[in-house]
Amino acid sequence: TNITIPKDLKARLEELAKKENRSFNMQVITILERYL
């Protein structure tokens, strides 16, 4: 799927993914699963 998000949000997600040793994609999936 394709989504459009603000650049600053993407940067924050990338930083969080790096801290948690995940890829950007897996970080987004993890956040969505936790939310649901």
PDB file of all heavy atoms in Angstrom:
ATOM      1  N   THR A   1       0.840  -1.189   0.000  1.00  0.00           N
ATOM      2  CA  THR A   1       0.000   0.000   0.000  1.00  0.00           C
ATOM      3  C   THR A   1       0.876   1.240   0.000  1.00  0.00           C
ATOM      4  O   THR A   1       2.037   1.186   0.413  1.00  0.00           O
ATOM      5  CB  THR A   1      -0.951   0.001   1.217  1.00  0.00           C
ATOM      6  OG1 THR A   1      -1.858   1.081   1.098  1.00  0.00           O
ATOM      7  CG2 THR A   1      -0.196   0.106   2.524  1.00  0.00           C
ATOM      8  N   ASN A   2       0.326   2.324  -0.450  1.00  0.00           N
ATOM      9  CA  ASN A   2       1.035   3.606  -0.426  1.00  0.00           C
ATOM     10  C   ASN A   2       0.255   4.569   0.445  1.00  0.00           C
ATOM     11  O   ASN A   2      -0.971   4.657   0.329  1.00  0.00           O
ATOM     12  CB  ASN A   2       1.142   4.202  -1.834  1.00  0.00           C
ATOM     13  CG  ASN A   2       2.064   3.411  -2.715  1.00  0.00           C
ATOM     14  OD1 ASN A   2       3.147   3.034  -2.313  1.00  0.00           O
ATOM     15  ND2 ASN A   2       1.621   3.146  -3.929  1.00  0.00           N
ATOM     16  N   ILE A   3       0.969   5.278   1.298  1.00  0.00           N
ATOM     17  CA  ILE A   3       0.349   6.328   2.104  1.00  0.00           C
ATOM     18  C   ILE A   3       1.209   7.581   1.979  1.00  0.00           C
ATOM     19  O   ILE A   3       2.398   7.503   1.683  1.00  0.00           O
ATOM     20  CB  ILE A   3       0.189   5.924   3.585  1.00  0.00           C
ATOM     21  CG1 ILE A   3       1.545   5.642   4.243  1.00  0.00           C
ATOM     22  CG2 ILE A   3      -0.748   4.735   3.724  1.00  0.00           C
ATOM     23  CD1 ILE A   3       1.482   5.487   5.734  1.00  0.00           C
ATOM     24  N   THR A   4       0.596   8.703   2.216  1.00  0.00           N
ATOM     25  CA  THR A   4       1.326   9.971   2.210  1.00  0.00           C
ATOM     26  C   THR A   4       1.298  10.522   3.625  1.00  0.00           C
ATOM     27  O   THR A   4       0.222  10.672   4.209  1.00  0.00           O
ATOM     28  CB  THR A   4       0.660  10.965   1.239  1.00  0.00           C
ATOM     29  OG1 THR A   4       0.623  10.359  -0.061  1.00  0.00           O
ATOM     30  CG2 THR A   4       1.430  12.267   1.191  1.00  0.00           C
ATOM     31  N   ILE A   5       2.489  10.749   4.177  1.00  0.00           N
ATOM     32  CA  ILE A   5       2.600  11.275   5.535  1.00  0.00           C
ATOM     33  C   ILE A   5       3.558  12.464   5.522  1.00  0.00           C
ATOM     34  O   ILE A   5       4.406  12.577   4.632  1.00  0.00           O
ATOM     35  CB  ILE A   5       3.091  10.202   6.540  1.00  0.00           C
ATOM     36  CG1 ILE A   5       4.477   9.666   6.167  1.00  0.00           C
ATOM     37  CG2 ILE A   5       2.084   9.068   6.645  1.00  0.00           C
ATOM     38  CD1 ILE A   5       5.071   8.719   7.185  1.00  0.00           C
ATOM     39  N   PRO A   6       3.438  13.340   6.507  1.00  0.00           N
ATOM     40  CA  PRO A   6       4.365  14.476   6.590  1.00  0.00           C
ATOM     41  C   PRO A   6       5.816  13.993   6.766  1.00  0.00           C
ATOM     42  O   PRO A   6       6.068  12.969   7.408  1.00  0.00           O
ATOM     43  CB  PRO A   6       3.889  15.231   7.836  1.00  0.00           C
ATOM     44  CG  PRO A   6       2.471  14.805   8.031  1.00  0.00           C
ATOM     45  CD  PRO A   6       2.409  13.394   7.551  1.00  0.00           C
ATOM     46  N   LYS A   7       6.736  14.732   6.188  1.00  0.00           N
ATOM     47  CA  LYS A   7       8.155  14.374   6.265  1.00  0.00           C
ATOM     48  C   LYS A   7       8.648  14.295   7.704  1.00  0.00           C
ATOM     49  O   LYS A   7       9.451  13.419   8.044  1.00  0.00           O
ATOM     50  CB  LYS A   7       9.005  15.361   5.475  1.00  0.00           C
ATOM     51  CG  LYS A   7       8.841  15.218   3.986  1.00  0.00           C
ATOM     52  CD  LYS A   7       9.727  16.200   3.246  1.00  0.00           C
ATOM     53  CE  LYS A   7       9.552  16.024   1.743  1.00  0.00           C
ATOM     54  NZ  LYS A   7      10.441  16.919   0.986  1.00  0.00           N
ATOM     55  N   ASP A   8       8.173  15.195   8.556  1.00  0.00           N
ATOM     56  CA  ASP A   8       8.636  15.172   9.946  1.00  0.00           C
ATOM     57  C   ASP A   8       8.141  13.928  10.677  1.00  0.00           C
ATOM     58  O   ASP A   8       8.856  13.366  11.509  1.00  0.00           O
ATOM     59  CB  ASP A   8       8.246  16.449  10.687  1.00  0.00           C
ATOM     60  CG  ASP A   8       6.747  16.661  10.793  1.00  0.00           C
ATOM     61  OD1 ASP A   8       6.010  16.316   9.855  1.00  0.00           O
ATOM     62  OD2 ASP A   8       6.306  17.191  11.833  1.00  0.00           O
ATOM     63  N   LEU A   9       6.944  13.457  10.341  1.00  0.00           N
ATOM     64  CA  LEU A   9       6.436  12.223  10.948  1.00  0.00           C
ATOM     65  C   LEU A   9       7.266  11.028  10.498  1.00  0.00           C
ATOM     66  O   LEU A   9       7.631  10.172  11.297  1.00  0.00           O
ATOM     67  CB  LEU A   9       4.968  12.016  10.596  1.00  0.00           C
ATOM     68  CG  LEU A   9       4.328  10.726  11.110  1.00  0.00           C
ATOM     69  CD1 LEU A   9       4.426  10.614  12.623  1.00  0.00           C
ATOM     70  CD2 LEU A   9       2.882  10.634  10.645  1.00  0.00           C
ATOM     71  N   LYS A  10       7.603  10.997   9.228  1.00  0.00           N
ATOM     72  CA  LYS A  10       8.436   9.896   8.720  1.00  0.00           C
ATOM     73  C   LYS A  10       9.797   9.892   9.415  1.00  0.00           C
ATOM     74  O   LYS A  10      10.305   8.834   9.810  1.00  0.00           O
ATOM     75  CB  LYS A  10       8.624   9.991   7.210  1.00  0.00           C
ATOM     76  CG  LYS A  10       9.429   8.814   6.664  1.00  0.00           C
ATOM     77  CD  LYS A  10       9.453   8.810   5.150  1.00  0.00           C
ATOM     78  CE  LYS A  10      10.112   7.552   4.634  1.00  0.00           C
ATOM     79  NZ  LYS A  10      11.541   7.648   4.467  1.00  0.00           N
ATOM     80  N   ALA A  11      10.368  11.062   9.588  1.00  0.00           N
ATOM     81  CA  ALA A  11      11.669  11.158  10.260  1.00  0.00           C
ATOM     82  C   ALA A  11      11.577  10.652  11.697  1.00  0.00           C
ATOM     83  O   ALA A  11      12.472   9.945  12.170  1.00  0.00           O
ATOM     84  CB  ALA A  11      12.175  12.594  10.226  1.00  0.00           C
ATOM     85  N   ARG A  12      10.502  11.006  12.375  1.00  0.00           N
ATOM     86  CA  ARG A  12      10.317  10.539  13.758  1.00  0.00           C
ATOM     87  C   ARG A  12      10.149   9.030  13.805  1.00  0.00           C
ATOM     88  O   ARG A  12      10.698   8.359  14.696  1.00  0.00           O
ATOM     89  CB  ARG A  12       9.118  11.237  14.385  1.00  0.00           C
ATOM     90  CG  ARG A  12       9.367  12.723  14.631  1.00  0.00           C
ATOM     91  CD  ARG A  12       8.125  13.483  15.011  1.00  0.00           C
ATOM     92  NE  ARG A  12       7.456  12.916  16.173  1.00  0.00           N
ATOM     93  CZ  ARG A  12       6.189  13.138  16.482  1.00  0.00           C
ATOM     94  NH1 ARG A  12       5.440  13.912  15.709  1.00  0.00           N
ATOM     95  NH2 ARG A  12       5.660  12.606  17.555  1.00  0.00           N
ATOM     96  N   LEU A  13       9.397   8.475  12.866  1.00  0.00           N
ATOM     97  CA  LEU A  13       9.215   7.025  12.817  1.00  0.00           C
ATOM     98  C   LEU A  13      10.521   6.305  12.494  1.00  0.00           C
ATOM     99  O   LEU A  13      10.820   5.253  13.066  1.00  0.00           O
ATOM    100  CB  LEU A  13       8.143   6.659  11.782  1.00  0.00           C
ATOM    101  CG  LEU A  13       6.714   7.019  12.148  1.00  0.00           C
ATOM    102  CD1 LEU A  13       5.804   6.905  10.931  1.00  0.00           C
ATOM    103  CD2 LEU A  13       6.208   6.145  13.289  1.00  0.00           C
ATOM    104  N   GLU A  14      11.308   6.878  11.596  1.00  0.00           N
ATOM    105  CA  GLU A  14      12.605   6.284  11.263  1.00  0.00           C
ATOM    106  C   GLU A  14      13.539   6.290  12.470  1.00  0.00           C
ATOM    107  O   GLU A  14      14.253   5.305  12.714  1.00  0.00           O
ATOM    108  CB  GLU A  14      13.244   7.032  10.092  1.00  0.00           C
ATOM    109  CG  GLU A  14      12.558   6.764   8.776  1.00  0.00           C
ATOM    110  CD  GLU A  14      13.080   7.623   7.642  1.00  0.00           C
ATOM    111  OE1 GLU A  14      13.471   8.783   7.880  1.00  0.00           O
ATOM    112  OE2 GLU A  14      13.067   7.127   6.504  1.00  0.00           O
ATOM    113  N   GLU A  15      13.534   7.367  13.225  1.00  0.00           N
ATOM    114  CA  GLU A  15      14.381   7.456  14.421  1.00  0.00           C
ATOM    115  C   GLU A  15      13.944   6.433  15.464  1.00  0.00           C
ATOM    116  O   GLU A  15      14.769   5.753  16.075  1.00  0.00           O
ATOM    117  CB  GLU A  15      14.335   8.868  14.996  1.00  0.00           C
ATOM    118  CG  GLU A  15      15.253   9.071  16.185  1.00  0.00           C
ATOM    119  CD  GLU A  15      16.723   8.860  15.871  1.00  0.00           C
ATOM    120  OE1 GLU A  15      17.145   9.133  14.742  1.00  0.00           O
ATOM    121  OE2 GLU A  15      17.446   8.396  16.769  1.00  0.00           O
ATOM    122  N   LEU A  16      12.643   6.313  15.671  1.00  0.00           N
ATOM    123  CA  LEU A  16      12.122   5.322  16.615  1.00  0.00           C
ATOM    124  C   LEU A  16      12.476   3.906  16.163  1.00  0.00           C
ATOM    125  O   LEU A  16      12.885   3.071  16.972  1.00  0.00           O
ATOM    126  CB  LEU A  16      10.606   5.477  16.764  1.00  0.00           C
ATOM    127  CG  LEU A  16       9.929   4.583  17.783  1.00  0.00           C
ATOM    128  CD1 LEU A  16      10.489   4.790  19.184  1.00  0.00           C
ATOM    129  CD2 LEU A  16       8.423   4.822  17.758  1.00  0.00           C
ATOM    130  N   ALA A  17      12.341   3.647  14.881  1.00  0.00           N
ATOM    131  CA  ALA A  17      12.685   2.325  14.339  1.00  0.00           C
ATOM    132  C   ALA A  17      14.159   2.013  14.591  1.00  0.00           C
ATOM    133  O   ALA A  17      14.503   0.894  14.989  1.00  0.00           O
ATOM    134  CB  ALA A  17      12.373   2.274  12.849  1.00  0.00           C
ATOM    135  N   LYS A  18      15.003   2.995  14.391  1.00  0.00           N
ATOM    136  CA  LYS A  18      16.439   2.804  14.619  1.00  0.00           C
ATOM    137  C   LYS A  18      16.706   2.470  16.090  1.00  0.00           C
ATOM    138  O   LYS A  18      17.463   1.549  16.399  1.00  0.00           O
ATOM    139  CB  LYS A  18      17.196   4.064  14.206  1.00  0.00           C
ATOM    140  CG  LYS A  18      18.681   3.945  14.293  1.00  0.00           C
ATOM    141  CD  LYS A  18      19.353   5.212  13.779  1.00  0.00           C
ATOM    142  CE  LYS A  18      20.858   5.090  13.869  1.00  0.00           C
ATOM    143  NZ  LYS A  18      21.527   6.310  13.391  1.00  0.00           N
ATOM    144  N   LYS A  19      16.062   3.207  16.989  1.00  0.00           N
ATOM    145  CA  LYS A  19      16.245   2.970  18.425  1.00  0.00           C
ATOM    146  C   LYS A  19      15.766   1.583  18.833  1.00  0.00           C
ATOM    147  O   LYS A  19      16.316   0.972  19.740  1.00  0.00           O
ATOM    148  CB  LYS A  19      15.496   4.025  19.240  1.00  0.00           C
ATOM    149  CG  LYS A  19      16.121   5.385  19.224  1.00  0.00           C
ATOM    150  CD  LYS A  19      15.310   6.363  20.050  1.00  0.00           C
ATOM    151  CE  LYS A  19      15.885   7.764  19.963  1.00  0.00           C
ATOM    152  NZ  LYS A  19      15.058   8.738  20.685  1.00  0.00           N
ATOM    153  N   GLU A  20      14.711   1.095  18.177  1.00  0.00           N
ATOM    154  CA  GLU A  20      14.128  -0.204  18.526  1.00  0.00           C
ATOM    155  C   GLU A  20      14.631  -1.328  17.620  1.00  0.00           C
ATOM    156  O   GLU A  20      14.104  -2.439  17.652  1.00  0.00           O
ATOM    157  CB  GLU A  20      12.601  -0.103  18.493  1.00  0.00           C
ATOM    158  CG  GLU A  20      12.087   0.864  19.558  1.00  0.00           C
ATOM    159  CD  GLU A  20      10.575   0.864  19.696  1.00  0.00           C
ATOM    160  OE1 GLU A  20       9.890   0.075  19.038  1.00  0.00           O
ATOM    161  OE2 GLU A  20      10.089   1.686  20.506  1.00  0.00           O
ATOM    162  N   ASN A  21      15.664  -1.018  16.819  1.00  0.00           N
ATOM    163  CA  ASN A  21      16.312  -1.994  15.951  1.00  0.00           C
ATOM    164  C   ASN A  21      15.319  -2.675  15.001  1.00  0.00           C
ATOM    165  O   ASN A  21      15.304  -3.898  14.869  1.00  0.00           O
ATOM    166  CB  ASN A  21      17.079  -3.037  16.780  1.00  0.00           C
ATOM    167  CG  ASN A  21      18.101  -3.781  15.956  1.00  0.00           C
ATOM    168  OD1 ASN A  21      18.636  -3.239  15.000  1.00  0.00           O
ATOM    169  ND2 ASN A  21      18.358  -5.023  16.312  1.00  0.00           N
ATOM    170  N   ARG A  22      14.467  -1.860  14.392  1.00  0.00           N
ATOM    171  CA  ARG A  22      13.500  -2.363  13.423  1.00  0.00           C
ATOM    172  C   ARG A  22      13.655  -1.577  12.119  1.00  0.00           C
ATOM    173  O   ARG A  22      14.134  -0.453  12.122  1.00  0.00           O
ATOM    174  CB  ARG A  22      12.058  -2.126  13.913  1.00  0.00           C
ATOM    175  CG  ARG A  22      11.633  -2.946  15.064  1.00  0.00           C
ATOM    176  CD  ARG A  22      10.115  -2.770  15.258  1.00  0.00           C
ATOM    177  NE  ARG A  22       9.658  -3.557  16.378  1.00  0.00           N
ATOM    178  CZ  ARG A  22       9.379  -3.057  17.579  1.00  0.00           C
ATOM    179  NH1 ARG A  22       9.468  -1.773  17.802  1.00  0.00           N
ATOM    180  NH2 ARG A  22       8.983  -3.850  18.546  1.00  0.00           N
ATOM    181  N   SER A  23      13.165  -2.166  11.050  1.00  0.00           N
ATOM    182  CA  SER A  23      13.072  -1.406   9.805  1.00  0.00           C
ATOM    183  C   SER A  23      11.922  -0.416   9.940  1.00  0.00           C
ATOM    184  O   SER A  23      11.050  -0.563  10.809  1.00  0.00           O
ATOM    185  CB  SER A  23      12.796  -2.351   8.632  1.00  0.00           C
ATOM    186  OG  SER A  23      11.491  -2.913   8.744  1.00  0.00           O
ATOM    187  N   PHE A  24      11.908   0.583   9.080  1.00  0.00           N
ATOM    188  CA  PHE A  24      10.812   1.544   9.068  1.00  0.00           C
ATOM    189  C   PHE A  24       9.488   0.812   8.876  1.00  0.00           C
ATOM    190  O   PHE A  24       8.517   1.059   9.594  1.00  0.00           O
ATOM    191  CB  PHE A  24      11.035   2.569   7.949  1.00  0.00           C
ATOM    192  CG  PHE A  24       9.872   3.498   7.752  1.00  0.00           C
ATOM    193  CD1 PHE A  24       9.686   4.573   8.598  1.00  0.00           C
ATOM    194  CD2 PHE A  24       8.976   3.290   6.722  1.00  0.00           C
ATOM    195  CE1 PHE A  24       8.611   5.441   8.425  1.00  0.00           C
ATOM    196  CE2 PHE A  24       7.907   4.147   6.538  1.00  0.00           C
ATOM    197  CZ  PHE A  24       7.722   5.220   7.387  1.00  0.00           C
ATOM    198  N   ASN A  25       9.445  -0.100   7.928  1.00  0.00           N
ATOM    199  CA  ASN A  25       8.228  -0.850   7.636  1.00  0.00           C
ATOM    200  C   ASN A  25       7.743  -1.620   8.859  1.00  0.00           C
ATOM    201  O   ASN A  25       6.551  -1.572   9.210  1.00  0.00           O
ATOM    202  CB  ASN A  25       8.476  -1.799   6.465  1.00  0.00           C
ATOM    203  CG  ASN A  25       7.222  -2.487   6.006  1.00  0.00           C
ATOM    204  OD1 ASN A  25       6.361  -1.865   5.404  1.00  0.00           O
ATOM    205  ND2 ASN A  25       7.114  -3.770   6.295  1.00  0.00           N
ATOM    206  N   MET A  26       8.641  -2.345   9.509  1.00  0.00           N
ATOM    207  CA  MET A  26       8.238  -3.133  10.686  1.00  0.00           C
ATOM    208  C   MET A  26       7.818  -2.236  11.840  1.00  0.00           C
ATOM    209  O   MET A  26       6.956  -2.597  12.631  1.00  0.00           O
ATOM    210  CB  MET A  26       9.356  -4.081  11.117  1.00  0.00           C
ATOM    211  CG  MET A  26       9.490  -5.298  10.215  1.00  0.00           C
ATOM    212  SD  MET A  26       7.946  -6.230   9.980  1.00  0.00           S
ATOM    213  CE  MET A  26       7.524  -6.672  11.647  1.00  0.00           C
ATOM    214  N   GLN A  27       8.405  -1.056  11.939  1.00  0.00           N
ATOM    215  CA  GLN A  27       8.012  -0.118  12.988  1.00  0.00           C
ATOM    216  C   GLN A  27       6.574   0.332  12.775  1.00  0.00           C
ATOM    217  O   GLN A  27       5.782   0.365  13.713  1.00  0.00           O
ATOM    218  CB  GLN A  27       8.948   1.094  13.018  1.00  0.00           C
ATOM    219  CG  GLN A  27       8.701   2.020  14.175  1.00  0.00           C
ATOM    220  CD  GLN A  27       9.009   1.361  15.506  1.00  0.00           C
ATOM    221  OE1 GLN A  27      10.018   0.701  15.646  1.00  0.00           O
ATOM    222  NE2 GLN A  27       8.157   1.539  16.477  1.00  0.00           N
ATOM    223  N   VAL A  28       6.238   0.677  11.545  1.00  0.00           N
ATOM    224  CA  VAL A  28       4.873   1.108  11.244  1.00  0.00           C
ATOM    225  C   VAL A  28       3.885  -0.029  11.502  1.00  0.00           C
ATOM    226  O   VAL A  28       2.828   0.178  12.115  1.00  0.00           O
ATOM    227  CB  VAL A  28       4.770   1.620   9.792  1.00  0.00           C
ATOM    228  CG1 VAL A  28       3.321   1.881   9.395  1.00  0.00           C
ATOM    229  CG2 VAL A  28       5.610   2.878   9.618  1.00  0.00           C
ATOM    230  N   ILE A  29       4.224  -1.243  11.092  1.00  0.00           N
ATOM    231  CA  ILE A  29       3.347  -2.398  11.333  1.00  0.00           C
ATOM    232  C   ILE A  29       3.158  -2.612  12.832  1.00  0.00           C
ATOM    233  O   ILE A  29       2.035  -2.827  13.304  1.00  0.00           O
ATOM    234  CB  ILE A  29       3.916  -3.667  10.662  1.00  0.00           C
ATOM    235  CG1 ILE A  29       3.789  -3.540   9.145  1.00  0.00           C
ATOM    236  CG2 ILE A  29       3.212  -4.926  11.165  1.00  0.00           C
ATOM    237  CD1 ILE A  29       4.531  -4.609   8.370  1.00  0.00           C
ATOM    238  N   THR A  30       4.231  -2.539  13.596  1.00  0.00           N
ATOM    239  CA  THR A  30       4.158  -2.721  15.049  1.00  0.00           C
ATOM    240  C   THR A  30       3.248  -1.684  15.694  1.00  0.00           C
ATOM    241  O   THR A  30       2.396  -2.007  16.526  1.00  0.00           O
ATOM    242  CB  THR A  30       5.571  -2.653  15.665  1.00  0.00           C
ATOM    243  OG1 THR A  30       6.362  -3.708  15.110  1.00  0.00           O
ATOM    244  CG2 THR A  30       5.530  -2.796  17.183  1.00  0.00           C
ATOM    245  N   ILE A  31       3.399  -0.432  15.304  1.00  0.00           N
ATOM    246  CA  ILE A  31       2.562   0.644  15.854  1.00  0.00           C
ATOM    247  C   ILE A  31       1.093   0.418  15.507  1.00  0.00           C
ATOM    248  O   ILE A  31       0.216   0.560  16.364  1.00  0.00           O
ATOM    249  CB  ILE A  31       3.055   2.017  15.355  1.00  0.00           C
ATOM    250  CG1 ILE A  31       4.399   2.346  16.009  1.00  0.00           C
ATOM    251  CG2 ILE A  31       2.023   3.108  15.623  1.00  0.00           C
ATOM    252  CD1 ILE A  31       5.114   3.534  15.394  1.00  0.00           C
ATOM    253  N   LEU A  32       0.814   0.061  14.270  1.00  0.00           N
ATOM    254  CA  LEU A  32      -0.569  -0.180  13.857  1.00  0.00           C
ATOM    255  C   LEU A  32      -1.179  -1.369  14.597  1.00  0.00           C
ATOM    256  O   LEU A  32      -2.332  -1.307  15.046  1.00  0.00           O
ATOM    257  CB  LEU A  32      -0.636  -0.405  12.343  1.00  0.00           C
ATOM    258  CG  LEU A  32      -0.351   0.825  11.482  1.00  0.00           C
ATOM    259  CD1 LEU A  32      -0.239   0.420  10.015  1.00  0.00           C
ATOM    260  CD2 LEU A  32      -1.414   1.877  11.676  1.00  0.00           C
ATOM    261  N   GLU A  33      -0.417  -2.443  14.743  1.00  0.00           N
ATOM    262  CA  GLU A  33      -0.928  -3.618  15.464  1.00  0.00           C
ATOM    263  C   GLU A  33      -1.208  -3.278  16.921  1.00  0.00           C
ATOM    264  O   GLU A  33      -2.240  -3.668  17.464  1.00  0.00           O
ATOM    265  CB  GLU A  33       0.067  -4.774  15.366  1.00  0.00           C
ATOM    266  CG  GLU A  33       0.075  -5.418  13.999  1.00  0.00           C
ATOM    267  CD  GLU A  33       1.130  -6.509  13.860  1.00  0.00           C
ATOM    268  OE1 GLU A  33       2.114  -6.532  14.630  1.00  0.00           O
ATOM    269  OE2 GLU A  33       0.965  -7.342  12.938  1.00  0.00           O
ATOM    270  N   ARG A  34      -0.296  -2.563  17.573  1.00  0.00           N
ATOM    271  CA  ARG A  34      -0.509  -2.163  18.969  1.00  0.00           C
ATOM    272  C   ARG A  34      -1.763  -1.307  19.102  1.00  0.00           C
ATOM    273  O   ARG A  34      -2.550  -1.475  20.028  1.00  0.00           O
ATOM    274  CB  ARG A  34       0.697  -1.387  19.499  1.00  0.00           C
ATOM    275  CG  ARG A  34       1.893  -2.246  19.803  1.00  0.00           C
ATOM    276  CD  ARG A  34       3.020  -1.383  20.310  1.00  0.00           C
ATOM    277  NE  ARG A  34       4.246  -2.150  20.477  1.00  0.00           N
ATOM    278  CZ  ARG A  34       5.443  -1.622  20.606  1.00  0.00           C
ATOM    279  NH1 ARG A  34       5.595  -0.310  20.591  1.00  0.00           N
ATOM    280  NH2 ARG A  34       6.492  -2.384  20.753  1.00  0.00           N
ATOM    281  N   TYR A  35      -1.945  -0.386  18.191  1.00  0.00           N
ATOM    282  CA  TYR A  35      -3.117   0.491  18.222  1.00  0.00           C
ATOM    283  C   TYR A  35      -4.403  -0.326  18.089  1.00  0.00           C
ATOM    284  O   TYR A  35      -5.355  -0.138  18.842  1.00  0.00           O
ATOM    285  CB  TYR A  35      -3.022   1.531  17.123  1.00  0.00           C
ATOM    286  CG  TYR A  35      -4.241   2.426  17.059  1.00  0.00           C
ATOM    287  CD1 TYR A  35      -4.359   3.504  17.935  1.00  0.00           C
ATOM    288  CD2 TYR A  35      -5.275   2.170  16.175  1.00  0.00           C
ATOM    289  CE1 TYR A  35      -5.481   4.312  17.908  1.00  0.00           C
ATOM    290  CE2 TYR A  35      -6.398   2.974  16.135  1.00  0.00           C
ATOM    291  CZ  TYR A  35      -6.508   4.045  17.010  1.00  0.00           C
ATOM    292  OH  TYR A  35      -7.618   4.839  16.980  1.00  0.00           O
ATOM    293  N   LEU A  36      -4.421  -1.226  17.135  1.00  0.00           N
ATOM    294  CA  LEU A  36      -5.620  -2.022  16.890  1.00  0.00           C
ATOM    295  C   LEU A  36      -5.919  -2.992  18.029  1.00  0.00           C
ATOM    296  O   LEU A  36      -7.065  -3.384  18.242  1.00  0.00           O
ATOM    297  CB  LEU A  36      -5.490  -2.779  15.574  1.00  0.00           C
ATOM    298  CG  LEU A  36      -5.533  -1.887  14.332  1.00  0.00           C
ATOM    299  CD1 LEU A  36      -5.232  -2.707  13.081  1.00  0.00           C
ATOM    300  CD2 LEU A  36      -6.863  -1.177  14.210  1.00  0.00           C
TER     301      LEU A  36
END
